[in-house]
Amino acid sequence: MYSKCRRVDAARRVFDSMLVRNIVSWNAMILGYCIYGCPDDGISLFHEMTRIMHCHDDYGGGRKERKRSKAVEQLVIPDEITFIGVLCACARGGLLLD
């Protein structure tokens, strides 16, 4: 809701305060940045999402311990919506060639 109102900063504060983040919350924040905010921040958030994914051994086995704020890191695999957001960010950022 905050992103659609062009308040991406408020949306990010809510996202950062979430204890558990699922694919819907990641996608909402990535798309919020890509459509209403700074596309570079959306791509950075996608990289953060995939770094968390790589902290898991064998997709859900053990976890490498890392320091994190209050959030619980859980495995979230990017889906079609995630890649639409990243593609949108690349287009808005001028990273796609004609």
PDB file of N, CA and C in Angstrom:
ATOM      1  N   MET A   1       0.818  -1.179   0.000  1.00  0.00           N
ATOM      2  CA  MET A   1       0.000   0.000   0.000  1.00  0.00           C
ATOM      3  C   MET A   1       0.875   1.260   0.000  1.00  0.00           C
ATOM      4  N   TYR A   2       1.927   1.263   0.848  1.00  0.00           N
ATOM      5  CA  TYR A   2       2.781   2.439   0.908  1.00  0.00           C
ATOM      6  C   TYR A   2       3.470   2.690  -0.430  1.00  0.00           C
ATOM      7  N   SER A   3       3.922   1.620  -1.080  1.00  0.00           N
ATOM      8  CA  SER A   3       4.603   1.784  -2.369  1.00  0.00           C
ATOM      9  C   SER A   3       3.674   2.364  -3.412  1.00  0.00           C
ATOM     10  N   LYS A   4       2.433   1.871  -3.455  1.00  0.00           N
ATOM     11  CA  LYS A   4       1.484   2.370  -4.444  1.00  0.00           C
ATOM     12  C   LYS A   4       1.143   3.840  -4.217  1.00  0.00           C
ATOM     13  N   CYS A   5       1.298   4.289  -2.989  1.00  0.00           N
ATOM     14  CA  CYS A   5       1.097   5.710  -2.675  1.00  0.00           C
ATOM     15  C   CYS A   5       2.385   6.501  -2.846  1.00  0.00           C
ATOM     16  N   ARG A   6       3.372   5.875  -3.466  1.00  0.00           N
ATOM     17  CA  ARG A   6       4.682   6.476  -3.722  1.00  0.00           C
ATOM     18  C   ARG A   6       5.433   6.831  -2.436  1.00  0.00           C
ATOM     19  N   ARG A   7       5.214   6.048  -1.401  1.00  0.00           N
ATOM     20  CA  ARG A   7       5.909   6.206  -0.119  1.00  0.00           C
ATOM     21  C   ARG A   7       6.804   4.990   0.099  1.00  0.00           C
ATOM     22  N   VAL A   8       7.742   4.803  -0.811  1.00  0.00           N
ATOM     23  CA  VAL A   8       8.612   3.627  -0.779  1.00  0.00           C
ATOM     24  C   VAL A   8       9.465   3.620   0.486  1.00  0.00           C
ATOM     25  N   ASP A   9       9.819   4.780   0.983  1.00  0.00           N
ATOM     26  CA  ASP A   9      10.596   4.846   2.215  1.00  0.00           C
ATOM     27  C   ASP A   9       9.816   4.265   3.395  1.00  0.00           C
ATOM     28  N   ALA A  10       8.527   4.568   3.468  1.00  0.00           N
ATOM     29  CA  ALA A  10       7.683   4.008   4.540  1.00  0.00           C
ATOM     30  C   ALA A  10       7.505   2.505   4.348  1.00  0.00           C
ATOM     31  N   ALA A  11       7.358   2.080   3.098  1.00  0.00           N
ATOM     32  CA  ALA A  11       7.230   0.648   2.815  1.00  0.00           C
ATOM     33  C   ALA A  11       8.488  -0.093   3.257  1.00  0.00           C
ATOM     34  N   ARG A  12       9.640   0.503   3.029  1.00  0.00           N
ATOM     35  CA  ARG A  12      10.898  -0.141   3.424  1.00  0.00           C
ATOM     36  C   ARG A  12      11.020  -0.237   4.936  1.00  0.00           C
ATOM     37  N   ARG A  13      10.558   0.777   5.656  1.00  0.00           N
ATOM     38  CA  ARG A  13      10.591   0.712   7.119  1.00  0.00           C
ATOM     39  C   ARG A  13       9.725  -0.440   7.626  1.00  0.00           C
ATOM     40  N   VAL A  14       8.553  -0.621   7.030  1.00  0.00           N
ATOM     41  CA  VAL A  14       7.684  -1.744   7.411  1.00  0.00           C
ATOM     42  C   VAL A  14       8.367  -3.063   7.074  1.00  0.00           C
ATOM     43  N   PHE A  15       8.938  -3.146   5.872  1.00  0.00           N
ATOM     44  CA  PHE A  15       9.624  -4.361   5.434  1.00  0.00           C
ATOM     45  C   PHE A  15      10.773  -4.700   6.380  1.00  0.00           C
ATOM     46  N   ASP A  16      11.559  -3.713   6.749  1.00  0.00           N
ATOM     47  CA  ASP A  16      12.689  -3.945   7.647  1.00  0.00           C
ATOM     48  C   ASP A  16      12.249  -4.375   9.041  1.00  0.00           C
ATOM     49  N   SER A  17      11.059  -3.978   9.455  1.00  0.00           N
ATOM     50  CA  SER A  17      10.582  -4.343  10.795  1.00  0.00           C
ATOM     51  C   SER A  17       9.909  -5.711  10.831  1.00  0.00           C
ATOM     52  N   MET A  18       9.692  -6.322   9.679  1.00  0.00           N
ATOM     53  CA  MET A  18       9.031  -7.637   9.640  1.00  0.00           C
ATOM     54  C   MET A  18       9.954  -8.712  10.209  1.00  0.00           C
ATOM     55  N   LEU A  19       9.405  -9.567  11.050  1.00  0.00           N
ATOM     56  CA  LEU A  19      10.197 -10.648  11.619  1.00  0.00           C
ATOM     57  C   LEU A  19      10.359 -11.808  10.647  1.00  0.00           C
ATOM     58  N   VAL A  20       9.330 -12.069   9.857  1.00  0.00           N
ATOM     59  CA  VAL A  20       9.373 -13.145   8.868  1.00  0.00           C
ATOM     60  C   VAL A  20       8.950 -12.559   7.532  1.00  0.00           C
ATOM     61  N   ARG A  21       9.763 -12.781   6.527  1.00  0.00           N
ATOM     62  CA  ARG A  21       9.471 -12.264   5.189  1.00  0.00           C
ATOM     63  C   ARG A  21       9.234 -13.437   4.246  1.00  0.00           C
ATOM     64  N   ASN A  22       8.102 -13.406   3.546  1.00  0.00           N
ATOM     65  CA  ASN A  22       7.820 -14.448   2.570  1.00  0.00           C
ATOM     66  C   ASN A  22       7.967 -13.881   1.162  1.00  0.00           C
ATOM     67  N   ILE A  23       7.683 -14.684   0.152  1.00  0.00           N
ATOM     68  CA  ILE A  23       7.858 -14.260  -1.235  1.00  0.00           C
ATOM     69  C   ILE A  23       6.971 -13.063  -1.569  1.00  0.00           C
ATOM     70  N   VAL A  24       5.794 -12.990  -0.964  1.00  0.00           N
ATOM     71  CA  VAL A  24       4.885 -11.875  -1.230  1.00  0.00           C
ATOM     72  C   VAL A  24       5.480 -10.560  -0.721  1.00  0.00           C
ATOM     73  N   SER A  25       6.040 -10.567   0.474  1.00  0.00           N
ATOM     74  CA  SER A  25       6.624  -9.340   1.008  1.00  0.00           C
ATOM     75  C   SER A  25       7.872  -8.923   0.224  1.00  0.00           C
ATOM     76  N   TRP A  26       8.715  -9.879  -0.151  1.00  0.00           N
ATOM     77  CA  TRP A  26       9.893  -9.554  -0.968  1.00  0.00           C
ATOM     78  C   TRP A  26       9.452  -8.971  -2.309  1.00  0.00           C
ATOM     79  N   ASN A  27       8.488  -9.628  -2.971  1.00  0.00           N
ATOM     80  CA  ASN A  27       8.032  -9.144  -4.276  1.00  0.00           C
ATOM     81  C   ASN A  27       7.406  -7.757  -4.176  1.00  0.00           C
ATOM     82  N   ALA A  28       6.612  -7.533  -3.143  1.00  0.00           N
ATOM     83  CA  ALA A  28       5.972  -6.224  -2.980  1.00  0.00           C
ATOM     84  C   ALA A  28       7.022  -5.130  -2.830  1.00  0.00           C
ATOM     85  N   MET A  29       8.070  -5.412  -2.076  1.00  0.00           N
ATOM     86  CA  MET A  29       9.103  -4.400  -1.864  1.00  0.00           C
ATOM     87  C   MET A  29       9.947  -4.207  -3.118  1.00  0.00           C
ATOM     88  N   ILE A  30      10.315  -5.282  -3.789  1.00  0.00           N
ATOM     89  CA  ILE A  30      11.106  -5.169  -5.022  1.00  0.00           C
ATOM     90  C   ILE A  30      10.315  -4.419  -6.083  1.00  0.00           C
ATOM     91  N   LEU A  31       9.054  -4.783  -6.273  1.00  0.00           N
ATOM     92  CA  LEU A  31       8.226  -4.097  -7.265  1.00  0.00           C
ATOM     93  C   LEU A  31       7.969  -2.642  -6.867  1.00  0.00           C
ATOM     94  N   GLY A  32       7.823  -2.388  -5.588  1.00  0.00           N
ATOM     95  CA  GLY A  32       7.641  -1.013  -5.128  1.00  0.00           C
ATOM     96  C   GLY A  32       8.814  -0.133  -5.510  1.00  0.00           C
ATOM     97  N   TYR A  33      10.010  -0.652  -5.285  1.00  0.00           N
ATOM     98  CA  TYR A  33      11.204   0.101  -5.691  1.00  0.00           C
ATOM     99  C   TYR A  33      11.265   0.256  -7.204  1.00  0.00           C
ATOM    100  N   CYS A  34      10.977  -0.808  -7.914  1.00  0.00           N
ATOM    101  CA  CYS A  34      11.150  -0.793  -9.368  1.00  0.00           C
ATOM    102  C   CYS A  34      10.133   0.092 -10.073  1.00  0.00           C
ATOM    103  N   ILE A  35       8.924   0.154  -9.564  1.00  0.00           N
ATOM    104  CA  ILE A  35       7.872   0.913 -10.239  1.00  0.00           C
ATOM    105  C   ILE A  35       7.764   2.332  -9.687  1.00  0.00           C
ATOM    106  N   TYR A  36       7.824   2.475  -8.372  1.00  0.00           N
ATOM    107  CA  TYR A  36       7.553   3.774  -7.758  1.00  0.00           C
ATOM    108  C   TYR A  36       8.765   4.429  -7.120  1.00  0.00           C
ATOM    109  N   GLY A  37       9.861   3.730  -7.042  1.00  0.00           N
ATOM    110  CA  GLY A  37      11.025   4.284  -6.370  1.00  0.00           C
ATOM    111  C   GLY A  37      12.241   4.263  -7.260  1.00  0.00           C
ATOM    112  N   CYS A  38      13.335   3.860  -6.692  1.00  0.00           N
ATOM    113  CA  CYS A  38      14.608   3.808  -7.411  1.00  0.00           C
ATOM    114  C   CYS A  38      14.862   2.377  -7.881  1.00  0.00           C
ATOM    115  N   PRO A  39      14.945   2.153  -9.197  1.00  0.00           N
ATOM    116  CA  PRO A  39      15.158   0.801  -9.705  1.00  0.00           C
ATOM    117  C   PRO A  39      16.443   0.158  -9.180  1.00  0.00           C
ATOM    118  N   ASP A  40      17.477   0.956  -8.930  1.00  0.00           N
ATOM    119  CA  ASP A  40      18.726   0.402  -8.405  1.00  0.00           C
ATOM    120  C   ASP A  40      18.523  -0.217  -7.030  1.00  0.00           C
ATOM    121  N   ASP A  41      17.664   0.396  -6.220  1.00  0.00           N
ATOM    122  CA  ASP A  41      17.369  -0.162  -4.900  1.00  0.00           C
ATOM    123  C   ASP A  41      16.616  -1.483  -5.019  1.00  0.00           C
ATOM    124  N   GLY A  42      15.744  -1.606  -6.022  1.00  0.00           N
ATOM    125  CA  GLY A  42      15.032  -2.865  -6.257  1.00  0.00           C
ATOM    126  C   GLY A  42      15.981  -3.984  -6.633  1.00  0.00           C
ATOM    127  N   ILE A  43      16.956  -3.671  -7.470  1.00  0.00           N
ATOM    128  CA  ILE A  43      17.939  -4.680  -7.859  1.00  0.00           C
ATOM    129  C   ILE A  43      18.815  -5.050  -6.666  1.00  0.00           C
ATOM    130  N   SER A  44      19.177  -4.078  -5.844  1.00  0.00           N
ATOM    131  CA  SER A  44      19.956  -4.357  -4.633  1.00  0.00           C
ATOM    132  C   SER A  44      19.177  -5.261  -3.679  1.00  0.00           C
ATOM    133  N   LEU A  45      17.888  -5.011  -3.548  1.00  0.00           N
ATOM    134  CA  LEU A  45      17.059  -5.839  -2.681  1.00  0.00           C
ATOM    135  C   LEU A  45      16.962  -7.255  -3.225  1.00  0.00           C
ATOM    136  N   PHE A  46      16.879  -7.403  -4.551  1.00  0.00           N
ATOM    137  CA  PHE A  46      16.884  -8.735  -5.163  1.00  0.00           C
ATOM    138  C   PHE A  46      18.186  -9.465  -4.835  1.00  0.00           C
ATOM    139  N   HIS A  47      19.315  -8.761  -4.893  1.00  0.00           N
ATOM    140  CA  HIS A  47      20.594  -9.384  -4.543  1.00  0.00           C
ATOM    141  C   HIS A  47      20.612  -9.806  -3.080  1.00  0.00           C
ATOM    142  N   GLU A  48      20.026  -8.997  -2.215  1.00  0.00           N
ATOM    143  CA  GLU A  48      19.934  -9.375  -0.795  1.00  0.00           C
ATOM    144  C   GLU A  48      19.103 -10.638  -0.634  1.00  0.00           C
ATOM    145  N   MET A  49      18.014 -10.713  -1.363  1.00  0.00           N
ATOM    146  CA  MET A  49      17.141 -11.888  -1.310  1.00  0.00           C
ATOM    147  C   MET A  49      17.895 -13.137  -1.756  1.00  0.00           C
ATOM    148  N   THR A  50      18.667 -13.033  -2.811  1.00  0.00           N
ATOM    149  CA  THR A  50      19.384 -14.202  -3.309  1.00  0.00           C
ATOM    150  C   THR A  50      20.578 -14.545  -2.428  1.00  0.00           C
ATOM    151  N   ARG A  51      21.173 -13.568  -1.731  1.00  0.00           N
ATOM    152  CA  ARG A  51      22.241 -13.882  -0.771  1.00  0.00           C
ATOM    153  C   ARG A  51      21.696 -14.727   0.361  1.00  0.00           C
ATOM    154  N   ILE A  52      20.504 -14.401   0.832  1.00  0.00           N
ATOM    155  CA  ILE A  52      19.877 -15.197   1.893  1.00  0.00           C
ATOM    156  C   ILE A  52      19.636 -16.607   1.382  1.00  0.00           C
ATOM    157  N   MET A  53      19.227 -16.716   0.111  1.00  0.00           N
ATOM    158  CA  MET A  53      18.977 -18.025  -0.474  1.00  0.00           C
ATOM    159  C   MET A  53      20.256 -18.858  -0.481  1.00  0.00           C
ATOM    160  N   HIS A  54      21.408 -18.231  -0.734  1.00  0.00           N
ATOM    161  CA  HIS A  54      22.663 -18.957  -0.802  1.00  0.00           C
ATOM    162  C   HIS A  54      23.239 -19.278   0.570  1.00  0.00           C
ATOM    163  N   CYS A  55      22.660 -18.733   1.624  1.00  0.00           N
ATOM    164  CA  CYS A  55      23.108 -19.066   2.976  1.00  0.00           C
ATOM    165  C   CYS A  55      22.586 -20.422   3.430  1.00  0.00           C
ATOM    166  N   HIS A  56      21.631 -20.957   2.698  1.00  0.00           N
ATOM    167  CA  HIS A  56      21.059 -22.252   3.047  1.00  0.00           C
ATOM    168  C   HIS A  56      21.795 -23.340   2.282  1.00  0.00           C
ATOM    169  N   ASP A  57      22.151 -24.401   2.959  1.00  0.00           N
ATOM    170  CA  ASP A  57      22.780 -25.536   2.292  1.00  0.00           C
ATOM    171  C   ASP A  57      21.685 -26.463   1.792  1.00  0.00           C
ATOM    172  N   ASP A  58      21.755 -26.864   0.544  1.00  0.00           N
ATOM    173  CA  ASP A  58      20.800 -27.804  -0.053  1.00  0.00           C
ATOM    174  C   ASP A  58      19.355 -27.373   0.111  1.00  0.00           C
ATOM    175  N   TYR A  59      19.079 -26.068  -0.043  1.00  0.00           N
ATOM    176  CA  TYR A  59      17.718 -25.536   0.018  1.00  0.00           C
ATOM    177  C   TYR A  59      16.952 -26.010   1.243  1.00  0.00           C
ATOM    178  N   GLY A  60      17.407 -25.650   2.376  1.00  0.00           N
ATOM    179  CA  GLY A  60      16.637 -25.902   3.577  1.00  0.00           C
ATOM    180  C   GLY A  60      17.358 -26.752   4.590  1.00  0.00           C
ATOM    181  N   GLY A  61      18.525 -27.260   4.273  1.00  0.00           N
ATOM    182  CA  GLY A  61      19.289 -28.046   5.227  1.00  0.00           C
ATOM    183  C   GLY A  61      19.789 -27.159   6.336  1.00  0.00           C
ATOM    184  N   GLY A  62      21.094 -27.145   6.528  1.00  0.00           N
ATOM    185  CA  GLY A  62      21.672 -26.288   7.549  1.00  0.00           C
ATOM    186  C   GLY A  62      21.758 -24.856   7.083  1.00  0.00           C
ATOM    187  N   ARG A  63      22.005 -23.977   8.011  1.00  0.00           N
ATOM    188  CA  ARG A  63      22.158 -22.562   7.678  1.00  0.00           C
ATOM    189  C   ARG A  63      23.498 -22.077   8.171  1.00  0.00           C
ATOM    190  N   LYS A  64      24.142 -21.276   7.381  1.00  0.00           N
ATOM    191  CA  LYS A  64      25.348 -20.609   7.852  1.00  0.00           C
ATOM    192  C   LYS A  64      24.902 -19.456   8.738  1.00  0.00           C
ATOM    193  N   GLU A  65      25.536 -19.314   9.852  1.00  0.00           N
ATOM    194  CA  GLU A  65      25.149 -18.254  10.782  1.00  0.00           C
ATOM    195  C   GLU A  65      25.662 -16.911  10.279  1.00  0.00           C
ATOM    196  N   ARG A  66      24.795 -15.938  10.262  1.00  0.00           N
ATOM    197  CA  ARG A  66      25.150 -14.571   9.891  1.00  0.00           C
ATOM    198  C   ARG A  66      24.453 -13.635  10.840  1.00  0.00           C
ATOM    199  N   LYS A  67      25.065 -12.507  11.079  1.00  0.00           N
ATOM    200  CA  LYS A  67      24.428 -11.495  11.909  1.00  0.00           C
ATOM    201  C   LYS A  67      23.332 -10.824  11.110  1.00  0.00           C
ATOM    202  N   ARG A  68      22.179 -10.666  11.705  1.00  0.00           N
ATOM    203  CA  ARG A  68      21.025 -10.036  11.059  1.00  0.00           C
ATOM    204  C   ARG A  68      20.284  -9.270  12.133  1.00  0.00           C
ATOM    205  N   SER A  69      19.513  -8.302  11.745  1.00  0.00           N
ATOM    206  CA  SER A  69      18.769  -7.535  12.738  1.00  0.00           C
ATOM    207  C   SER A  69      17.731  -8.422  13.407  1.00  0.00           C
ATOM    208  N   LYS A  70      16.510  -7.991  13.474  1.00  0.00           N
ATOM    209  CA  LYS A  70      15.461  -8.771  14.119  1.00  0.00           C
ATOM    210  C   LYS A  70      14.873  -9.828  13.204  1.00  0.00           C
ATOM    211  N   ALA A  71      15.083  -9.711  11.902  1.00  0.00           N
ATOM    212  CA  ALA A  71      14.416 -10.584  10.941  1.00  0.00           C
ATOM    213  C   ALA A  71      14.964 -12.002  10.999  1.00  0.00           C
ATOM    214  N   VAL A  72      14.077 -12.952  10.815  1.00  0.00           N
ATOM    215  CA  VAL A  72      14.449 -14.352  10.724  1.00  0.00           C
ATOM    216  C   VAL A  72      14.675 -14.653   9.254  1.00  0.00           C
ATOM    217  N   GLU A  73      15.871 -15.102   8.928  1.00  0.00           N
ATOM    218  CA  GLU A  73      16.148 -15.416   7.533  1.00  0.00           C
ATOM    219  C   GLU A  73      15.591 -16.787   7.211  1.00  0.00           C
ATOM    220  N   GLN A  74      14.749 -16.830   6.215  1.00  0.00           N
ATOM    221  CA  GLN A  74      14.206 -18.104   5.782  1.00  0.00           C
ATOM    222  C   GLN A  74      14.354 -18.176   4.272  1.00  0.00           C
ATOM    223  N   LEU A  75      14.394 -19.381   3.771  1.00  0.00           N
ATOM    224  CA  LEU A  75      14.596 -19.591   2.351  1.00  0.00           C
ATOM    225  C   LEU A  75      13.417 -19.054   1.551  1.00  0.00           C
ATOM    226  N   VAL A  76      13.700 -18.149   0.632  1.00  0.00           N
ATOM    227  CA  VAL A  76      12.691 -17.604  -0.268  1.00  0.00           C
ATOM    228  C   VAL A  76      13.276 -17.699  -1.666  1.00  0.00           C
ATOM    229  N   ILE A  77      12.642 -18.473  -2.516  1.00  0.00           N
ATOM    230  CA  ILE A  77      13.121 -18.657  -3.883  1.00  0.00           C
ATOM    231  C   ILE A  77      12.380 -17.685  -4.792  1.00  0.00           C
ATOM    232  N   PRO A  78      13.109 -16.910  -5.594  1.00  0.00           N
ATOM    233  CA  PRO A  78      12.451 -15.965  -6.506  1.00  0.00           C
ATOM    234  C   PRO A  78      11.484 -16.683  -7.442  1.00  0.00           C
ATOM    235  N   ASP A  79      10.377 -16.020  -7.754  1.00  0.00           N
ATOM    236  CA  ASP A  79       9.406 -16.602  -8.676  1.00  0.00           C
ATOM    237  C   ASP A  79       9.236 -15.687  -9.884  1.00  0.00           C
ATOM    238  N   GLU A  80       8.196 -15.929 -10.664  1.00  0.00           N
ATOM    239  CA  GLU A  80       7.968 -15.159 -11.893  1.00  0.00           C
ATOM    240  C   GLU A  80       7.766 -13.678 -11.609  1.00  0.00           C
ATOM    241  N   ILE A  81       7.051 -13.387 -10.542  1.00  0.00           N
ATOM    242  CA  ILE A  81       6.770 -11.994 -10.189  1.00  0.00           C
ATOM    243  C   ILE A  81       8.069 -11.274  -9.818  1.00  0.00           C
ATOM    244  N   THR A  82       8.944 -11.971  -9.111  1.00  0.00           N
ATOM    245  CA  THR A  82      10.231 -11.391  -8.742  1.00  0.00           C
ATOM    246  C   THR A  82      11.007 -10.996  -9.994  1.00  0.00           C
ATOM    247  N   PHE A  83      11.040 -11.890 -10.970  1.00  0.00           N
ATOM    248  CA  PHE A  83      11.806 -11.610 -12.182  1.00  0.00           C
ATOM    249  C   PHE A  83      11.152 -10.522 -13.036  1.00  0.00           C
ATOM    250  N   ILE A  84       9.845 -10.394 -12.980  1.00  0.00           N
ATOM    251  CA  ILE A  84       9.178  -9.277 -13.660  1.00  0.00           C
ATOM    252  C   ILE A  84       9.625  -7.960 -13.026  1.00  0.00           C
ATOM    253  N   GLY A  85       9.703  -7.933 -11.699  1.00  0.00           N
ATOM    254  CA  GLY A  85      10.166  -6.728 -11.011  1.00  0.00           C
ATOM    255  C   GLY A  85      11.594  -6.375 -11.366  1.00  0.00           C
ATOM    256  N   VAL A  86      12.466  -7.378 -11.427  1.00  0.00           N
ATOM    257  CA  VAL A  86      13.863  -7.131 -11.776  1.00  0.00           C
ATOM    258  C   VAL A  86      13.979  -6.665 -13.222  1.00  0.00           C
ATOM    259  N   LEU A  87      13.214  -7.284 -14.118  1.00  0.00           N
ATOM    260  CA  LEU A  87      13.219  -6.872 -15.516  1.00  0.00           C
ATOM    261  C   LEU A  87      12.714  -5.437 -15.660  1.00  0.00           C
ATOM    262  N   CYS A  88      11.683  -5.091 -14.908  1.00  0.00           N
ATOM    263  CA  CYS A  88      11.154  -3.724 -14.902  1.00  0.00           C
ATOM    264  C   CYS A  88      12.218  -2.745 -14.417  1.00  0.00           C
ATOM    265  N   ALA A  89      12.943  -3.125 -13.375  1.00  0.00           N
ATOM    266  CA  ALA A  89      14.016  -2.264 -12.847  1.00  0.00           C
ATOM    267  C   ALA A  89      15.116  -2.074 -13.879  1.00  0.00           C
ATOM    268  N   CYS A  90      15.459  -3.132 -14.566  1.00  0.00           N
ATOM    269  CA  CYS A  90      16.497  -3.033 -15.603  1.00  0.00           C
ATOM    270  C   CYS A  90      16.040  -2.111 -16.731  1.00  0.00           C
ATOM    271  N   ALA A  91      14.778  -2.222 -17.116  1.00  0.00           N
ATOM    272  CA  ALA A  91      14.244  -1.368 -18.176  1.00  0.00           C
ATOM    273  C   ALA A  91      14.233   0.095 -17.744  1.00  0.00           C
ATOM    274  N   ARG A  92      13.759   0.355 -16.539  1.00  0.00           N
ATOM    275  CA  ARG A  92      13.705   1.741 -16.041  1.00  0.00           C
ATOM    276  C   ARG A  92      15.083   2.312 -15.793  1.00  0.00           C
ATOM    277  N   GLY A  93      16.037   1.447 -15.464  1.00  0.00           N
ATOM    278  CA  GLY A  93      17.399   1.905 -15.211  1.00  0.00           C
ATOM    279  C   GLY A  93      18.246   2.019 -16.464  1.00  0.00           C
ATOM    280  N   GLY A  94      17.653   1.699 -17.619  1.00  0.00           N
ATOM    281  CA  GLY A  94      18.386   1.794 -18.881  1.00  0.00           C
ATOM    282  C   GLY A  94      19.406   0.703 -19.090  1.00  0.00           C
ATOM    283  N   LEU A  95      19.189  -0.455 -18.464  1.00  0.00           N
ATOM    284  CA  LEU A  95      20.152  -1.547 -18.562  1.00  0.00           C
ATOM    285  C   LEU A  95      19.841  -2.528 -19.690  1.00  0.00           C
ATOM    286  N   LEU A  96      18.696  -2.345 -20.376  1.00  0.00           N
ATOM    287  CA  LEU A  96      18.325  -3.227 -21.478  1.00  0.00           C
ATOM    288  C   LEU A  96      18.708  -2.585 -22.794  1.00  0.00           C
ATOM    289  N   LEU A  97      19.221  -3.378 -23.690  1.00  0.00           N
ATOM    290  CA  LEU A  97      19.593  -2.877 -25.020  1.00  0.00           C
ATOM    291  C   LEU A  97      18.459  -3.116 -25.993  1.00  0.00           C
ATOM    292  N   ASP A  98      18.334  -2.239 -26.976  1.00  0.00           N
ATOM    293  CA  ASP A  98      17.315  -2.410 -28.008  1.00  0.00           C
ATOM    294  C   ASP A  98      17.755  -3.424 -29.019  1.00  0.00           C
TER     295      ASP A  98
END
